[in-house]
Amino acid sequence: MARIKAIPEIANYHVTWSIPKQTEKKWVMVGKVDWMSSAWKTNRQVETDYSVHFVITVDIPAATAEDVETAALEVAEHCRKAVESEPSLGGVVISSVMAPERLVSWPTPEGFEAQWEGAFEIKARENR
């Protein structure tokens, strides 16, 4: 979570482990982490497959649907890069795939709001 909060491009986003109670204009929720498998690859290295789920919401006054959807996709890409380089979530990352689940936008009285949901599927190796 600290890694996501430290992304300079999303400094004005509220980063949380759960959906914010107050109505935030821009927020990133780091959801559940699923560990799918873990196996020894050498006599000193363990390979782990896991995914980190995210929900990103963007509300921009006087924006179009395309503007907010583009902004949500950009934030998702910044988060992917941060998760990919985080060695503390099960070792050094050797591959990372963004697995989007949905991107939707809707009009608000001030402009448009968009929400991106998805997971980052990661394969990592750790020396033990």
Protein backbone atom coordinates (compact mmCIF):
# COMPACT_ATOMS: atom_id res chain seq x y z
CA MET A 1 0.00 0.00 0.00
CA ALA A 2 2.83 2.41 0.80
CA ARG A 3 4.23 1.75 -2.67
CA ILE A 4 0.90 2.77 -4.28
CA LYS A 5 0.59 5.87 -2.07
CA ALA A 6 4.09 6.93 -3.14
CA ILE A 7 3.30 7.04 -6.88
CA PRO A 8 3.82 10.72 -7.80
CA GLU A 9 1.31 10.63 -10.69
CA ILE A 10 -1.55 9.70 -8.32
CA ALA A 11 -0.60 11.89 -5.36
CA ASN A 12 -4.05 13.52 -5.39
CA TYR A 13 -5.87 10.14 -5.10
CA HIS A 14 -7.11 8.68 -1.82
CA VAL A 15 -5.48 5.22 -1.49
CA THR A 16 -7.26 2.80 0.82
CA TRP A 17 -7.80 -0.89 1.68
CA SER A 18 -11.57 -0.44 1.49
CA ILE A 19 -14.17 1.70 -0.25
CA PRO A 20 -14.01 5.22 1.26
CA LYS A 21 -17.01 6.18 3.41
CA GLN A 22 -17.00 9.81 2.29
CA THR A 23 -17.55 10.55 -1.37
CA GLU A 24 -14.04 10.97 -2.73
CA LYS A 25 -13.56 12.37 -6.23
CA LYS A 26 -10.54 10.18 -6.95
CA TRP A 27 -9.59 7.01 -5.08
CA VAL A 28 -7.71 3.75 -5.44
CA MET A 29 -8.72 0.71 -3.41
CA VAL A 30 -6.14 -2.02 -3.02
CA GLY A 31 -8.36 -5.03 -2.55
CA LYS A 32 -7.61 -8.60 -1.71
CA VAL A 33 -4.38 -10.44 -2.44
CA ASP A 34 -4.84 -14.05 -3.63
CA TRP A 35 -1.92 -16.47 -3.48
CA MET A 36 -2.65 -19.13 -6.09
CA SER A 37 0.42 -21.34 -5.83
CA SER A 38 3.89 -21.62 -4.43
CA ALA A 39 6.50 -24.19 -5.51
CA TRP A 40 10.22 -24.79 -5.23
CA LYS A 41 11.97 -24.10 -8.56
CA THR A 42 15.54 -24.73 -7.39
CA ASN A 43 16.94 -25.91 -4.07
CA ARG A 44 17.00 -22.26 -2.88
CA GLN A 45 14.24 -20.47 -4.82
CA VAL A 46 10.47 -20.55 -4.39
CA GLU A 47 8.21 -19.33 -7.18
CA THR A 48 4.86 -17.85 -6.12
CA ASP A 49 1.84 -16.90 -8.24
CA TYR A 50 -0.50 -14.31 -6.74
CA SER A 51 -2.85 -11.53 -7.74
CA VAL A 52 -3.59 -8.11 -6.28
CA HIS A 53 -7.08 -6.71 -6.94
CA PHE A 54 -7.69 -2.99 -7.48
CA VAL A 55 -10.68 -0.66 -7.87
CA ILE A 56 -9.95 2.82 -9.24
CA THR A 57 -12.55 5.58 -9.33
CA VAL A 58 -12.10 8.90 -11.16
CA ASP A 59 -14.59 11.78 -11.03
CA ILE A 60 -13.54 14.86 -13.03
CA PRO A 61 -15.79 17.92 -13.22
CA ALA A 62 -16.55 19.13 -16.77
CA ALA A 63 -14.95 15.99 -18.25
CA THR A 64 -16.21 13.61 -20.91
CA ALA A 65 -16.64 9.86 -20.53
CA GLU A 66 -13.49 9.39 -22.59
CA ASP A 67 -11.52 11.73 -20.29
CA VAL A 68 -12.40 9.86 -17.09
CA GLU A 69 -11.96 6.41 -18.65
CA THR A 70 -8.53 7.41 -19.97
CA ALA A 71 -7.57 8.77 -16.53
CA ALA A 72 -8.69 5.52 -14.85
CA LEU A 73 -6.61 3.45 -17.30
CA GLU A 74 -3.56 5.66 -16.69
CA VAL A 75 -3.87 5.22 -12.91
CA ALA A 76 -4.20 1.44 -13.40
CA GLU A 77 -0.96 1.44 -15.40
CA HIS A 78 0.88 3.42 -12.70
CA CYS A 79 -0.37 0.94 -10.08
CA ARG A 80 0.74 -2.01 -12.24
CA LYS A 81 4.25 -0.61 -12.46
CA ALA A 82 4.39 -0.06 -8.69
CA VAL A 83 3.13 -3.58 -7.89
CA GLU A 84 5.53 -5.09 -10.41
CA SER A 85 8.56 -3.55 -8.73
CA GLU A 86 7.49 -4.36 -5.13
CA PRO A 87 9.69 -7.22 -3.90
CA SER A 88 7.94 -7.67 -0.55
CA LEU A 89 4.79 -9.34 -1.95
CA GLY A 90 6.30 -12.78 -2.43
CA GLY A 91 9.76 -12.23 -3.90
CA VAL A 92 11.25 -10.46 -6.89
CA VAL A 93 8.73 -10.18 -9.71
CA ILE A 94 9.62 -12.06 -12.89
CA SER A 95 6.35 -11.39 -14.71
CA SER A 96 3.26 -9.26 -14.22
CA VAL A 97 0.07 -9.21 -16.27
CA MET A 98 -2.70 -6.68 -15.89
CA ALA A 99 -6.05 -8.51 -15.96
CA PRO A 100 -8.78 -5.88 -16.35
CA GLU A 101 -12.26 -6.95 -15.32
CA ARG A 102 -14.30 -3.88 -16.20
CA LEU A 103 -14.17 -0.19 -17.07
CA VAL A 104 -17.42 1.75 -16.87
CA SER A 105 -18.34 5.44 -16.84
CA TRP A 106 -21.52 7.37 -16.13
CA PRO A 107 -22.61 11.02 -16.14
CA THR A 108 -22.68 13.07 -12.92
CA PRO A 109 -24.16 16.54 -12.39
CA GLU A 110 -20.64 18.00 -12.70
CA GLY A 111 -19.17 15.84 -15.53
CA PHE A 112 -18.40 12.13 -15.69
CA GLU A 113 -17.16 9.44 -13.33
CA ALA A 114 -15.36 6.21 -14.28
CA GLN A 115 -14.46 3.05 -12.42
CA TRP A 116 -11.80 0.50 -13.37
CA GLU A 117 -11.66 -2.89 -11.68
CA GLY A 118 -9.10 -5.56 -12.22
CA ALA A 119 -6.21 -7.56 -10.89
CA PHE A 120 -2.50 -7.73 -11.44
CA GLU A 121 -1.42 -11.36 -11.80
CA ILE A 122 2.16 -11.76 -10.66
CA LYS A 123 4.78 -14.49 -10.73
CA ALA A 124 7.65 -13.89 -8.30
CA ARG A 125 10.76 -15.72 -7.12
CA GLU A 126 12.18 -15.55 -3.65
CA ASN A 127 15.47 -16.89 -2.29
CA ARG A 128 15.07 -18.97 0.87
